[in-house]
């Protein structure tokens, strides 16, 4: 690992992962530009005065906004997308325009502006459903939805655009969990914790489905580390990034234990028995990255945020739910 400081562009930096990542990048000494539509509010109010932070309110599909944000940057962490299947399906044309159509132009602007490292946040959903006990990076992809299909197609684009001096890295994260300044309460662990605290009841649909998870603290630490790995260790490579693969029923029990045994767990049948699991052995072996924050840690961070009043109207506020916010503002 090096100890280099970068001028890094974080696309979608005011989203869930970005809102926790940007402060860490600044604390590590990097200069950070955020390109985002800021549809979830001004998440960086506490760090507005940091001279190393530049914010560009703009659309990833707007080449002028992208070129403006990219000026002076030598690294990109590309997080921006319409996240998760329901949000994508709300407006498939919108999803495609942001998640896929804008991708190659973004990469080419990065190359034109002299960016030397491009880190792409793909998704572990690109594998589809696998029976293999260990879903590793060398298995064929079988994306089941447009969201995951376009994630996989962007991986191909980045591989095509890779060239000497333009180091590329693809991360396939598991489902992220835990508290962040721009909180999402539409992800498995966060949903169950919210309902346990504020309803006193968790409803599990099915329960046997497995879900890979990673704590947002580990996810953001990994992105910070990705700026310090030597080129040869990461160039052109793909890594899964997860920690624990648990069934939804097991996650519900973890949440109930953390919140308190007064929480009721109700199981209902479901037609959606999709089950995902991933192996993160490769990133451990090659980069030495080992997550240290558990699902229970994520639940505890949410409990603390609820108790201290950091989450306003968690059951109804659309800011915590991607699809509700998109519907409210009619994003096009």
C-alpha atoms as a PDB file:
ATOM      1  CA  UNK A   1       0.000   0.000   0.000  1.00  0.00           C
ATOM      2  CA  UNK A   2       1.139   3.514  -0.779  1.00  0.00           C
ATOM      3  CA  UNK A   3       0.533   6.727   1.148  1.00  0.00           C
ATOM      4  CA  UNK A   4      -0.490   8.893  -1.791  1.00  0.00           C
ATOM      5  CA  UNK A   5      -3.040  11.679  -1.776  1.00  0.00           C
ATOM      6  CA  UNK A   6      -5.369  12.044  -4.739  1.00  0.00           C
ATOM      7  CA  UNK A   7      -7.775  14.541  -6.220  1.00  0.00           C
ATOM      8  CA  UNK A   8     -10.721  12.164  -6.364  1.00  0.00           C
ATOM      9  CA  UNK A   9     -14.124  12.561  -7.979  1.00  0.00           C
ATOM     10  CA  UNK A  10     -16.888  10.648  -6.218  1.00  0.00           C
ATOM     11  CA  UNK A  11     -19.928  10.362  -8.457  1.00  0.00           C
ATOM     12  CA  UNK A  12     -23.091   9.894  -6.438  1.00  0.00           C
ATOM     13  CA  UNK A  13     -21.095  11.100  -3.470  1.00  0.00           C
ATOM     14  CA  UNK A  14     -24.165  12.477  -1.672  1.00  0.00           C
ATOM     15  CA  UNK A  15     -25.835   9.060  -1.661  1.00  0.00           C
ATOM     16  CA  UNK A  16     -25.860   6.394   1.031  1.00  0.00           C
ATOM     17  CA  UNK A  17     -22.316   5.049   0.670  1.00  0.00           C
ATOM     18  CA  UNK A  18     -20.885   8.359  -0.536  1.00  0.00           C
ATOM     19  CA  UNK A  19     -22.164  10.289   2.460  1.00  0.00           C
ATOM     20  CA  UNK A  20     -20.066   8.056   4.722  1.00  0.00           C
ATOM     21  CA  UNK A  21     -17.133   7.791   2.299  1.00  0.00           C
ATOM     22  CA  UNK A  22     -16.474  11.462   1.517  1.00  0.00           C
ATOM     23  CA  UNK A  23     -15.650  12.459   5.126  1.00  0.00           C
ATOM     24  CA  UNK A  24     -13.226   9.520   5.339  1.00  0.00           C
ATOM     25  CA  UNK A  25     -11.486  10.549   2.134  1.00  0.00           C
ATOM     26  CA  UNK A  26     -11.104  14.098   3.417  1.00  0.00           C
ATOM     27  CA  UNK A  27      -9.787  12.846   6.749  1.00  0.00           C
ATOM     28  CA  UNK A  28      -7.209  10.771   4.841  1.00  0.00           C
ATOM     29  CA  UNK A  29      -5.925  13.962   3.192  1.00  0.00           C
ATOM     30  CA  UNK A  30      -7.460  13.598  -0.266  1.00  0.00           C
ATOM     31  CA  UNK A  31      -9.089  16.433  -2.176  1.00  0.00           C
ATOM     32  CA  UNK A  32     -12.641  15.404  -3.035  1.00  0.00           C
ATOM     33  CA  UNK A  33     -15.111  16.549  -5.665  1.00  0.00           C
ATOM     34  CA  UNK A  34     -18.679  15.281  -5.362  1.00  0.00           C
ATOM     35  CA  UNK A  35     -20.904  15.103  -8.443  1.00  0.00           C
ATOM     36  CA  UNK A  36     -24.496  14.478  -7.444  1.00  0.00           C
ATOM     37  CA  UNK A  37     -28.057  15.665  -8.011  1.00  0.00           C
ATOM     38  CA  UNK A  38     -28.475  16.013  -4.210  1.00  0.00           C
ATOM     39  CA  UNK A  39     -32.040  14.724  -4.348  1.00  0.00           C
ATOM     40  CA  UNK A  40     -31.685  13.451  -0.776  1.00  0.00           C
ATOM     41  CA  UNK A  41     -30.648  16.797   0.668  1.00  0.00           C
ATOM     42  CA  UNK A  42     -27.494  18.564   1.790  1.00  0.00           C
ATOM     43  CA  UNK A  43     -25.738  15.702   3.536  1.00  0.00           C
ATOM     44  CA  UNK A  44     -22.402  17.525   3.865  1.00  0.00           C
ATOM     45  CA  UNK A  45     -23.541  20.508   5.910  1.00  0.00           C
ATOM     46  CA  UNK A  46     -21.207  19.606   8.832  1.00  0.00           C
ATOM     47  CA  UNK A  47     -18.112  19.637   6.570  1.00  0.00           C
ATOM     48  CA  UNK A  48     -18.978  22.516   4.228  1.00  0.00           C
ATOM     49  CA  UNK A  49     -15.994  24.512   5.383  1.00  0.00           C
ATOM     50  CA  UNK A  50     -13.385  21.903   4.440  1.00  0.00           C
ATOM     51  CA  UNK A  51     -11.232  23.524   1.742  1.00  0.00           C
ATOM     52  CA  UNK A  52     -10.473  20.099   0.259  1.00  0.00           C
ATOM     53  CA  UNK A  53     -14.176  19.517  -0.589  1.00  0.00           C
ATOM     54  CA  UNK A  54     -15.766  20.687  -3.837  1.00  0.00           C
ATOM     55  CA  UNK A  55     -19.418  19.994  -4.582  1.00  0.00           C
ATOM     56  CA  UNK A  56     -20.903  19.988  -8.070  1.00  0.00           C
ATOM     57  CA  UNK A  57     -24.669  19.700  -8.272  1.00  0.00           C
ATOM     58  CA  UNK A  58     -25.177  18.117 -11.643  1.00  0.00           C
ATOM     59  CA  UNK A  59     -26.443  15.193 -13.675  1.00  0.00           C
ATOM     60  CA  UNK A  60     -24.167  12.335 -14.647  1.00  0.00           C
ATOM     61  CA  UNK A  61     -25.795  12.452 -18.093  1.00  0.00           C
ATOM     62  CA  UNK A  62     -24.738  16.080 -18.605  1.00  0.00           C
ATOM     63  CA  UNK A  63     -21.325  16.001 -20.274  1.00  0.00           C
ATOM     64  CA  UNK A  64     -20.599  19.616 -19.309  1.00  0.00           C
ATOM     65  CA  UNK A  65     -21.314  18.884 -15.632  1.00  0.00           C
ATOM     66  CA  UNK A  66     -19.142  15.771 -15.793  1.00  0.00           C
ATOM     67  CA  UNK A  67     -16.271  17.670 -17.421  1.00  0.00           C
ATOM     68  CA  UNK A  68     -16.589  20.440 -14.820  1.00  0.00           C
ATOM     69  CA  UNK A  69     -16.505  17.975 -11.929  1.00  0.00           C
ATOM     70  CA  UNK A  70     -13.631  16.032 -13.452  1.00  0.00           C
ATOM     71  CA  UNK A  71     -11.289  19.046 -13.750  1.00  0.00           C
ATOM     72  CA  UNK A  72      -8.103  18.498 -11.783  1.00  0.00           C
ATOM     73  CA  UNK A  73      -9.060  14.986 -10.687  1.00  0.00           C
ATOM     74  CA  UNK A  74      -6.698  12.060 -11.057  1.00  0.00           C
ATOM     75  CA  UNK A  75      -8.960   9.359  -9.568  1.00  0.00           C
ATOM     76  CA  UNK A  76     -12.638   8.468  -9.805  1.00  0.00           C
ATOM     77  CA  UNK A  77     -14.813   6.403  -7.471  1.00  0.00           C
ATOM     78  CA  UNK A  78     -17.992   5.822  -9.456  1.00  0.00           C
ATOM     79  CA  UNK A  79     -20.933   5.196  -7.140  1.00  0.00           C
ATOM     80  CA  UNK A  80     -23.711   7.056  -8.977  1.00  0.00           C
ATOM     81  CA  UNK A  81     -26.615   4.947 -10.207  1.00  0.00           C
ATOM     82  CA  UNK A  82     -30.308   4.284  -9.800  1.00  0.00           C
ATOM     83  CA  UNK A  83     -29.925   1.820  -6.968  1.00  0.00           C
ATOM     84  CA  UNK A  84     -31.841  -1.420  -6.435  1.00  0.00           C
ATOM     85  CA  UNK A  85     -34.373  -3.210  -8.585  1.00  0.00           C
ATOM     86  CA  UNK A  86     -37.608  -1.445  -7.494  1.00  0.00           C
ATOM     87  CA  UNK A  87     -36.129   2.006  -8.100  1.00  0.00           C
ATOM     88  CA  UNK A  88     -34.825   0.916 -11.488  1.00  0.00           C
ATOM     89  CA  UNK A  89     -38.139  -0.632 -12.488  1.00  0.00           C
ATOM     90  CA  UNK A  90     -40.005   2.564 -11.595  1.00  0.00           C
ATOM     91  CA  UNK A  91     -38.568   4.113 -14.769  1.00  0.00           C
ATOM     92  CA  UNK A  92     -36.454   1.662 -16.784  1.00  0.00           C
ATOM     93  CA  UNK A  93     -35.496   4.260 -19.397  1.00  0.00           C
ATOM     94  CA  UNK A  94     -34.226   6.587 -16.681  1.00  0.00           C
ATOM     95  CA  UNK A  95     -32.314   3.739 -15.082  1.00  0.00           C
ATOM     96  CA  UNK A  96     -30.661   2.748 -18.335  1.00  0.00           C
ATOM     97  CA  UNK A  97     -29.745   6.350 -19.171  1.00  0.00           C
ATOM     98  CA  UNK A  98     -27.942   6.814 -15.844  1.00  0.00           C
ATOM     99  CA  UNK A  99     -26.665   3.320 -15.075  1.00  0.00           C
ATOM    100  CA  UNK A 100     -25.452   2.390 -18.556  1.00  0.00           C
ATOM    101  CA  UNK A 101     -25.725   5.049 -21.270  1.00  0.00           C
ATOM    102  CA  UNK A 102     -23.785   7.630 -19.239  1.00  0.00           C
ATOM    103  CA  UNK A 103     -21.026   5.214 -18.280  1.00  0.00           C
ATOM    104  CA  UNK A 104     -18.752   5.106 -21.322  1.00  0.00           C
ATOM    105  CA  UNK A 105     -18.912   8.907 -21.775  1.00  0.00           C
ATOM    106  CA  UNK A 106     -17.929   9.263 -18.095  1.00  0.00           C
ATOM    107  CA  UNK A 107     -14.971   6.927 -18.534  1.00  0.00           C
ATOM    108  CA  UNK A 108     -13.821   8.735 -21.676  1.00  0.00           C
ATOM    109  CA  UNK A 109     -14.029  12.159 -20.021  1.00  0.00           C
ATOM    110  CA  UNK A 110     -11.967  10.715 -17.175  1.00  0.00           C
ATOM    111  CA  UNK A 111      -9.284   9.557 -19.611  1.00  0.00           C
ATOM    112  CA  UNK A 112      -9.308  12.895 -21.451  1.00  0.00           C
ATOM    113  CA  UNK A 113      -8.887  14.786 -18.167  1.00  0.00           C
ATOM    114  CA  UNK A 114      -5.904  12.690 -17.111  1.00  0.00           C
ATOM    115  CA  UNK A 115      -7.531  10.423 -14.520  1.00  0.00           C
ATOM    116  CA  UNK A 116      -5.148   7.581 -13.703  1.00  0.00           C
ATOM    117  CA  UNK A 117      -7.329   5.382 -11.480  1.00  0.00           C
ATOM    118  CA  UNK A 118     -10.991   4.495 -12.006  1.00  0.00           C
ATOM    119  CA  UNK A 119     -12.831   2.474  -9.340  1.00  0.00           C
ATOM    120  CA  UNK A 120     -16.265   1.168 -10.297  1.00  0.00           C
ATOM    121  CA  UNK A 121     -18.912   0.071  -7.810  1.00  0.00           C
ATOM    122  CA  UNK A 122     -20.652  -2.816  -9.535  1.00  0.00           C
ATOM    123  CA  UNK A 123     -22.858  -5.253  -7.591  1.00  0.00           C
ATOM    124  CA  UNK A 124     -22.781  -8.826  -6.344  1.00  0.00           C
ATOM    125  CA  UNK A 125     -26.217  -9.205  -7.954  1.00  0.00           C
ATOM    126  CA  UNK A 126     -24.494  -9.670 -11.341  1.00  0.00           C
ATOM    127  CA  UNK A 127     -24.064 -13.370 -10.516  1.00  0.00           C
ATOM    128  CA  UNK A 128     -27.781 -14.060 -10.334  1.00  0.00           C
ATOM    129  CA  UNK A 129     -28.680 -17.174  -8.356  1.00  0.00           C
ATOM    130  CA  UNK A 130     -25.891 -19.720  -7.997  1.00  0.00           C
ATOM    131  CA  UNK A 131     -25.949 -23.176  -6.450  1.00  0.00           C
ATOM    132  CA  UNK A 132     -22.174 -23.119  -5.986  1.00  0.00           C
ATOM    133  CA  UNK A 133     -21.238 -23.065  -2.299  1.00  0.00           C
ATOM    134  CA  UNK A 134     -18.660 -20.328  -2.984  1.00  0.00           C
ATOM    135  CA  UNK A 135     -19.646 -17.692  -5.546  1.00  0.00           C
ATOM    136  CA  UNK A 136     -16.266 -16.469  -6.743  1.00  0.00           C
ATOM    137  CA  UNK A 137     -15.261 -13.829  -9.256  1.00  0.00           C
ATOM    138  CA  UNK A 138     -14.464 -16.357 -11.985  1.00  0.00           C
ATOM    139  CA  UNK A 139     -17.994 -17.753 -12.225  1.00  0.00           C
ATOM    140  CA  UNK A 140     -20.107 -16.730 -15.234  1.00  0.00           C
ATOM    141  CA  UNK A 141     -22.476 -13.828 -14.703  1.00  0.00           C
ATOM    142  CA  UNK A 142     -26.225 -14.357 -14.904  1.00  0.00           C
ATOM    143  CA  UNK A 143     -27.910 -11.046 -14.021  1.00  0.00           C
ATOM    144  CA  UNK A 144     -31.638 -11.478 -13.475  1.00  0.00           C
ATOM    145  CA  UNK A 145     -32.806  -7.864 -13.690  1.00  0.00           C
ATOM    146  CA  UNK A 146     -32.080  -4.818 -15.808  1.00  0.00           C
ATOM    147  CA  UNK A 147     -30.343  -3.213 -12.832  1.00  0.00           C
ATOM    148  CA  UNK A 148     -27.838  -6.052 -12.509  1.00  0.00           C
ATOM    149  CA  UNK A 149     -27.604  -6.536 -16.295  1.00  0.00           C
ATOM    150  CA  UNK A 150     -26.436  -2.957 -16.809  1.00  0.00           C
ATOM    151  CA  UNK A 151     -23.997  -3.282 -13.907  1.00  0.00           C
ATOM    152  CA  UNK A 152     -22.446  -6.242 -15.717  1.00  0.00           C
ATOM    153  CA  UNK A 153     -22.412  -4.403 -19.055  1.00  0.00           C
ATOM    154  CA  UNK A 154     -20.583  -1.470 -17.481  1.00  0.00           C
ATOM    155  CA  UNK A 155     -17.918  -3.890 -16.273  1.00  0.00           C
ATOM    156  CA  UNK A 156     -17.377  -4.893 -19.909  1.00  0.00           C
ATOM    157  CA  UNK A 157     -17.169  -1.252 -20.982  1.00  0.00           C
ATOM    158  CA  UNK A 158     -14.546  -0.491 -18.350  1.00  0.00           C
ATOM    159  CA  UNK A 159     -12.487  -3.492 -19.447  1.00  0.00           C
ATOM    160  CA  UNK A 160     -12.658  -2.238 -23.042  1.00  0.00           C
ATOM    161  CA  UNK A 161     -11.558   1.270 -22.028  1.00  0.00           C
ATOM    162  CA  UNK A 162      -8.661   0.129 -19.870  1.00  0.00           C
ATOM    163  CA  UNK A 163      -5.249   1.101 -21.204  1.00  0.00           C
ATOM    164  CA  UNK A 164      -1.722   1.700 -19.879  1.00  0.00           C
ATOM    165  CA  UNK A 165      -1.747   4.568 -17.400  1.00  0.00           C
ATOM    166  CA  UNK A 166      -5.489   4.202 -16.781  1.00  0.00           C
ATOM    167  CA  UNK A 167      -5.793   1.732 -13.913  1.00  0.00           C
ATOM    168  CA  UNK A 168      -9.235   0.178 -13.531  1.00  0.00           C
ATOM    169  CA  UNK A 169     -10.743  -1.691 -10.607  1.00  0.00           C
ATOM    170  CA  UNK A 170     -14.201  -3.252 -10.259  1.00  0.00           C
ATOM    171  CA  UNK A 171     -15.702  -3.921  -6.845  1.00  0.00           C
ATOM    172  CA  UNK A 172     -18.804  -6.105  -6.507  1.00  0.00           C
ATOM    173  CA  UNK A 173     -20.232  -5.129  -3.118  1.00  0.00           C
ATOM    174  CA  UNK A 174     -22.626  -7.179  -1.060  1.00  0.00           C
ATOM    175  CA  UNK A 175     -25.675  -5.383   0.338  1.00  0.00           C
ATOM    176  CA  UNK A 176     -24.462  -2.524   2.511  1.00  0.00           C
ATOM    177  CA  UNK A 177     -25.899  -1.980   5.986  1.00  0.00           C
ATOM    178  CA  UNK A 178     -25.587   0.444   8.885  1.00  0.00           C
ATOM    179  CA  UNK A 179     -25.989   4.151   9.569  1.00  0.00           C
ATOM    180  CA  UNK A 180     -24.807   6.886   7.208  1.00  0.00           C
ATOM    181  CA  UNK A 181     -25.590  10.613   7.022  1.00  0.00           C
ATOM    182  CA  UNK A 182     -27.765   9.956   3.933  1.00  0.00           C
ATOM    183  CA  UNK A 183     -29.534   6.972   5.385  1.00  0.00           C
ATOM    184  CA  UNK A 184     -31.295   4.263   3.423  1.00  0.00           C
ATOM    185  CA  UNK A 185     -34.011   2.297   5.175  1.00  0.00           C
ATOM    186  CA  UNK A 186     -34.847   0.171   2.129  1.00  0.00           C
ATOM    187  CA  UNK A 187     -32.017  -2.373   2.530  1.00  0.00           C
ATOM    188  CA  UNK A 188     -32.455  -5.710   4.313  1.00  0.00           C
ATOM    189  CA  UNK A 189     -30.658  -5.139   7.629  1.00  0.00           C
ATOM    190  CA  UNK A 190     -31.750  -1.504   7.826  1.00  0.00           C
ATOM    191  CA  UNK A 191     -35.387  -2.364   7.031  1.00  0.00           C
ATOM    192  CA  UNK A 192     -35.560  -5.023   9.734  1.00  0.00           C
ATOM    193  CA  UNK A 193     -33.887  -2.782  12.309  1.00  0.00           C
ATOM    194  CA  UNK A 194     -36.204   0.134  11.550  1.00  0.00           C
ATOM    195  CA  UNK A 195     -39.303  -2.036  11.955  1.00  0.00           C
ATOM    196  CA  UNK A 196     -37.974  -3.693  15.099  1.00  0.00           C
ATOM    197  CA  UNK A 197     -37.374  -0.334  16.767  1.00  0.00           C
ATOM    198  CA  UNK A 198     -40.358   1.595  15.511  1.00  0.00           C
ATOM    199  CA  UNK A 199     -42.998  -1.116  15.081  1.00  0.00           C
ATOM    200  CA  UNK A 200     -41.854  -3.635  17.644  1.00  0.00           C
ATOM    201  CA  UNK A 201     -42.372  -6.255  14.949  1.00  0.00           C
ATOM    202  CA  UNK A 202     -40.357  -7.701  12.068  1.00  0.00           C
ATOM    203  CA  UNK A 203     -42.095  -9.361   9.153  1.00  0.00           C
ATOM    204  CA  UNK A 204     -39.947 -11.892   7.322  1.00  0.00           C
ATOM    205  CA  UNK A 205     -41.094 -13.004   3.898  1.00  0.00           C
ATOM    206  CA  UNK A 206     -39.840 -16.550   3.420  1.00  0.00           C
ATOM    207  CA  UNK A 207     -36.691 -16.325   5.495  1.00  0.00           C
ATOM    208  CA  UNK A 208     -34.506 -19.036   4.012  1.00  0.00           C
ATOM    209  CA  UNK A 209     -33.138 -16.740   1.306  1.00  0.00           C
ATOM    210  CA  UNK A 210     -29.492 -15.912   1.865  1.00  0.00           C
ATOM    211  CA  UNK A 211     -28.226 -12.359   1.617  1.00  0.00           C
ATOM    212  CA  UNK A 212     -24.571 -11.254   1.552  1.00  0.00           C
ATOM    213  CA  UNK A 213     -23.963  -8.144   3.625  1.00  0.00           C
ATOM    214  CA  UNK A 214     -21.160  -5.710   4.374  1.00  0.00           C
ATOM    215  CA  UNK A 215     -21.125  -3.003   7.017  1.00  0.00           C
ATOM    216  CA  UNK A 216     -20.919   0.498   5.557  1.00  0.00           C
ATOM    217  CA  UNK A 217     -17.848   1.173   7.706  1.00  0.00           C
ATOM    218  CA  UNK A 218     -15.978  -1.664   5.981  1.00  0.00           C
ATOM    219  CA  UNK A 219     -17.333  -0.732   2.557  1.00  0.00           C
ATOM    220  CA  UNK A 220     -16.111   2.837   2.841  1.00  0.00           C
ATOM    221  CA  UNK A 221     -12.782   1.772   4.359  1.00  0.00           C
ATOM    222  CA  UNK A 222     -12.282  -0.441   1.308  1.00  0.00           C
ATOM    223  CA  UNK A 223     -12.830   2.435  -1.110  1.00  0.00           C
ATOM    224  CA  UNK A 224     -10.317   4.542   0.813  1.00  0.00           C
ATOM    225  CA  UNK A 225      -7.848   1.640   0.645  1.00  0.00           C
ATOM    226  CA  UNK A 226      -8.442   1.303  -3.097  1.00  0.00           C
ATOM    227  CA  UNK A 227      -6.642   4.615  -3.573  1.00  0.00           C
ATOM    228  CA  UNK A 228      -3.534   3.213  -1.871  1.00  0.00           C
ATOM    229  CA  UNK A 229      -3.088  -0.210  -3.438  1.00  0.00           C
ATOM    230  CA  UNK A 230      -0.271  -0.432  -5.984  1.00  0.00           C
ATOM    231  CA  UNK A 231      -1.393  -0.324  -9.624  1.00  0.00           C
ATOM    232  CA  UNK A 232      -0.170  -3.851 -10.277  1.00  0.00           C
ATOM    233  CA  UNK A 233      -2.282  -5.245  -7.435  1.00  0.00           C
ATOM    234  CA  UNK A 234      -5.585  -3.969  -8.783  1.00  0.00           C
ATOM    235  CA  UNK A 235      -5.311  -3.027 -12.467  1.00  0.00           C
ATOM    236  CA  UNK A 236      -8.019  -4.721 -14.512  1.00  0.00           C
ATOM    237  CA  UNK A 237      -9.142  -6.814 -11.558  1.00  0.00           C
ATOM    238  CA  UNK A 238     -12.526  -7.629 -10.080  1.00  0.00           C
ATOM    239  CA  UNK A 239     -13.174  -8.302  -6.393  1.00  0.00           C
ATOM    240  CA  UNK A 240     -16.234  -9.321  -4.433  1.00  0.00           C
ATOM    241  CA  UNK A 241     -16.635  -7.304  -1.246  1.00  0.00           C
ATOM    242  CA  UNK A 242     -18.772  -8.907   1.421  1.00  0.00           C
ATOM    243  CA  UNK A 243     -18.489 -10.153   4.949  1.00  0.00           C
ATOM    244  CA  UNK A 244     -21.301 -12.389   6.101  1.00  0.00           C
ATOM    245  CA  UNK A 245     -23.812 -14.476   4.152  1.00  0.00           C
ATOM    246  CA  UNK A 246     -26.870 -15.073   6.318  1.00  0.00           C
ATOM    247  CA  UNK A 247     -30.455 -16.066   5.711  1.00  0.00           C
ATOM    248  CA  UNK A 248     -33.052 -13.335   6.139  1.00  0.00           C
ATOM    249  CA  UNK A 249     -34.421 -15.294   9.125  1.00  0.00           C
ATOM    250  CA  UNK A 250     -30.968 -15.295  10.748  1.00  0.00           C
ATOM    251  CA  UNK A 251     -30.626 -11.550  10.175  1.00  0.00           C
ATOM    252  CA  UNK A 252     -34.039 -11.015  11.773  1.00  0.00           C
ATOM    253  CA  UNK A 253     -32.910 -12.930  14.862  1.00  0.00           C
ATOM    254  CA  UNK A 254     -29.716 -10.844  15.076  1.00  0.00           C
ATOM    255  CA  UNK A 255     -31.804  -7.687  14.912  1.00  0.00           C
ATOM    256  CA  UNK A 256     -34.238  -8.947  17.549  1.00  0.00           C
ATOM    257  CA  UNK A 257     -31.365  -9.830  19.877  1.00  0.00           C
ATOM    258  CA  UNK A 258     -29.765  -6.408  19.465  1.00  0.00           C
ATOM    259  CA  UNK A 259     -32.975  -4.397  19.781  1.00  0.00           C
ATOM    260  CA  UNK A 260     -34.513  -6.500  22.547  1.00  0.00           C
ATOM    261  CA  UNK A 261     -36.446  -9.718  22.910  1.00  0.00           C
ATOM    262  CA  UNK A 262     -39.747  -7.852  23.061  1.00  0.00           C
ATOM    263  CA  UNK A 263     -39.582  -7.623  19.277  1.00  0.00           C
ATOM    264  CA  UNK A 264     -41.974  -9.974  17.509  1.00  0.00           C
ATOM    265  CA  UNK A 265     -40.820 -11.834  14.397  1.00  0.00           C
ATOM    266  CA  UNK A 266     -43.590 -12.852  12.020  1.00  0.00           C
ATOM    267  CA  UNK A 267     -42.898 -15.100   9.030  1.00  0.00           C
ATOM    268  CA  UNK A 268     -45.024 -14.961   5.905  1.00  0.00           C
ATOM    269  CA  UNK A 269     -44.823 -16.929   2.678  1.00  0.00           C
ATOM    270  CA  UNK A 270     -43.395 -15.373  -0.481  1.00  0.00           C
ATOM    271  CA  UNK A 271     -42.993 -16.214  -4.140  1.00  0.00           C
ATOM    272  CA  UNK A 272     -39.608 -14.462  -4.171  1.00  0.00           C
ATOM    273  CA  UNK A 273     -37.140 -17.052  -2.928  1.00  0.00           C
ATOM    274  CA  UNK A 274     -34.086 -15.590  -4.678  1.00  0.00           C
ATOM    275  CA  UNK A 275     -31.027 -16.421  -2.629  1.00  0.00           C
ATOM    276  CA  UNK A 276     -27.599 -14.846  -3.036  1.00  0.00           C
ATOM    277  CA  UNK A 277     -24.222 -15.509  -1.464  1.00  0.00           C
ATOM    278  CA  UNK A 278     -20.710 -14.485  -2.401  1.00  0.00           C
ATOM    279  CA  UNK A 279     -17.166 -15.416  -1.498  1.00  0.00           C
ATOM    280  CA  UNK A 280     -14.783 -12.617  -0.543  1.00  0.00           C
ATOM    281  CA  UNK A 281     -11.719 -14.831  -0.230  1.00  0.00           C
ATOM    282  CA  UNK A 282      -9.967 -13.328  -3.261  1.00  0.00           C
ATOM    283  CA  UNK A 283      -9.868  -9.794  -1.865  1.00  0.00           C
ATOM    284  CA  UNK A 284      -8.605 -11.194   1.434  1.00  0.00           C
ATOM    285  CA  UNK A 285      -5.856 -13.211  -0.256  1.00  0.00           C
ATOM    286  CA  UNK A 286      -4.710 -10.629  -2.824  1.00  0.00           C
ATOM    287  CA  UNK A 287      -5.274  -7.294  -1.072  1.00  0.00           C
ATOM    288  CA  UNK A 288      -5.367  -8.337   2.560  1.00  0.00           C
ATOM    289  CA  UNK A 289      -8.777  -6.732   3.026  1.00  0.00           C
ATOM    290  CA  UNK A 290     -10.721  -8.310   5.876  1.00  0.00           C
ATOM    291  CA  UNK A 291     -13.979  -6.704   7.061  1.00  0.00           C
ATOM    292  CA  UNK A 292     -14.097  -6.173  10.811  1.00  0.00           C
ATOM    293  CA  UNK A 293     -17.566  -4.667  11.359  1.00  0.00           C
ATOM    294  CA  UNK A 294     -20.451  -7.099  11.813  1.00  0.00           C
ATOM    295  CA  UNK A 295     -24.155  -7.004  11.027  1.00  0.00           C
ATOM    296  CA  UNK A 296     -24.737  -6.528  14.747  1.00  0.00           C
ATOM    297  CA  UNK A 297     -22.444  -3.471  14.630  1.00  0.00           C
ATOM    298  CA  UNK A 298     -24.587  -2.089  11.800  1.00  0.00           C
ATOM    299  CA  UNK A 299     -27.752  -2.672  13.821  1.00  0.00           C
ATOM    300  CA  UNK A 300     -26.191  -0.968  16.844  1.00  0.00           C
ATOM    301  CA  UNK A 301     -25.255   2.072  14.738  1.00  0.00           C
ATOM    302  CA  UNK A 302     -28.876   2.374  13.604  1.00  0.00           C
ATOM    303  CA  UNK A 303     -30.203   1.942  17.139  1.00  0.00           C
ATOM    304  CA  UNK A 304     -27.909   4.743  18.316  1.00  0.00           C
ATOM    305  CA  UNK A 305     -29.019   7.032  15.482  1.00  0.00           C
ATOM    306  CA  UNK A 306     -32.690   6.445  16.262  1.00  0.00           C
ATOM    307  CA  UNK A 307     -32.150   7.027  19.992  1.00  0.00           C
ATOM    308  CA  UNK A 308     -30.280  10.295  19.464  1.00  0.00           C
ATOM    309  CA  UNK A 309     -32.881  11.714  17.087  1.00  0.00           C
ATOM    310  CA  UNK A 310     -30.730  11.625  13.967  1.00  0.00           C
ATOM    311  CA  UNK A 311     -33.488   9.938  11.940  1.00  0.00           C
ATOM    312  CA  UNK A 312     -36.646  12.022  11.509  1.00  0.00           C
ATOM    313  CA  UNK A 313     -39.906  10.106  10.929  1.00  0.00           C
ATOM    314  CA  UNK A 314     -38.158   6.903   9.846  1.00  0.00           C
ATOM    315  CA  UNK A 315     -41.280   5.008   8.828  1.00  0.00           C
ATOM    316  CA  UNK A 316     -42.664   7.640   6.469  1.00  0.00           C
ATOM    317  CA  UNK A 317     -39.964  10.145   5.462  1.00  0.00           C
ATOM    318  CA  UNK A 318     -39.328   9.562   1.729  1.00  0.00           C
ATOM    319  CA  UNK A 319     -35.703  10.716   2.065  1.00  0.00           C
ATOM    320  CA  UNK A 320     -34.840   7.296   3.506  1.00  0.00           C
ATOM    321  CA  UNK A 321     -36.446   5.366   0.665  1.00  0.00           C
ATOM    322  CA  UNK A 322     -35.025   5.676  -2.845  1.00  0.00           C
ATOM    323  CA  UNK A 323     -38.195   4.782  -4.689  1.00  0.00           C
ATOM    324  CA  UNK A 324     -40.364   7.136  -2.611  1.00  0.00           C
ATOM    325  CA  UNK A 325     -38.026  10.055  -3.229  1.00  0.00           C
ATOM    326  CA  UNK A 326     -37.888   9.327  -6.956  1.00  0.00           C
ATOM    327  CA  UNK A 327     -41.672   9.227  -7.080  1.00  0.00           C
ATOM    328  CA  UNK A 328     -41.951  12.451  -5.084  1.00  0.00           C
ATOM    329  CA  UNK A 329     -39.652  14.472  -7.352  1.00  0.00           C
ATOM    330  CA  UNK A 330     -40.580  12.689 -10.611  1.00  0.00           C
ATOM    331  CA  UNK A 331     -36.939  12.295 -11.605  1.00  0.00           C
ATOM    332  CA  UNK A 332     -36.591  12.037 -15.383  1.00  0.00           C
END
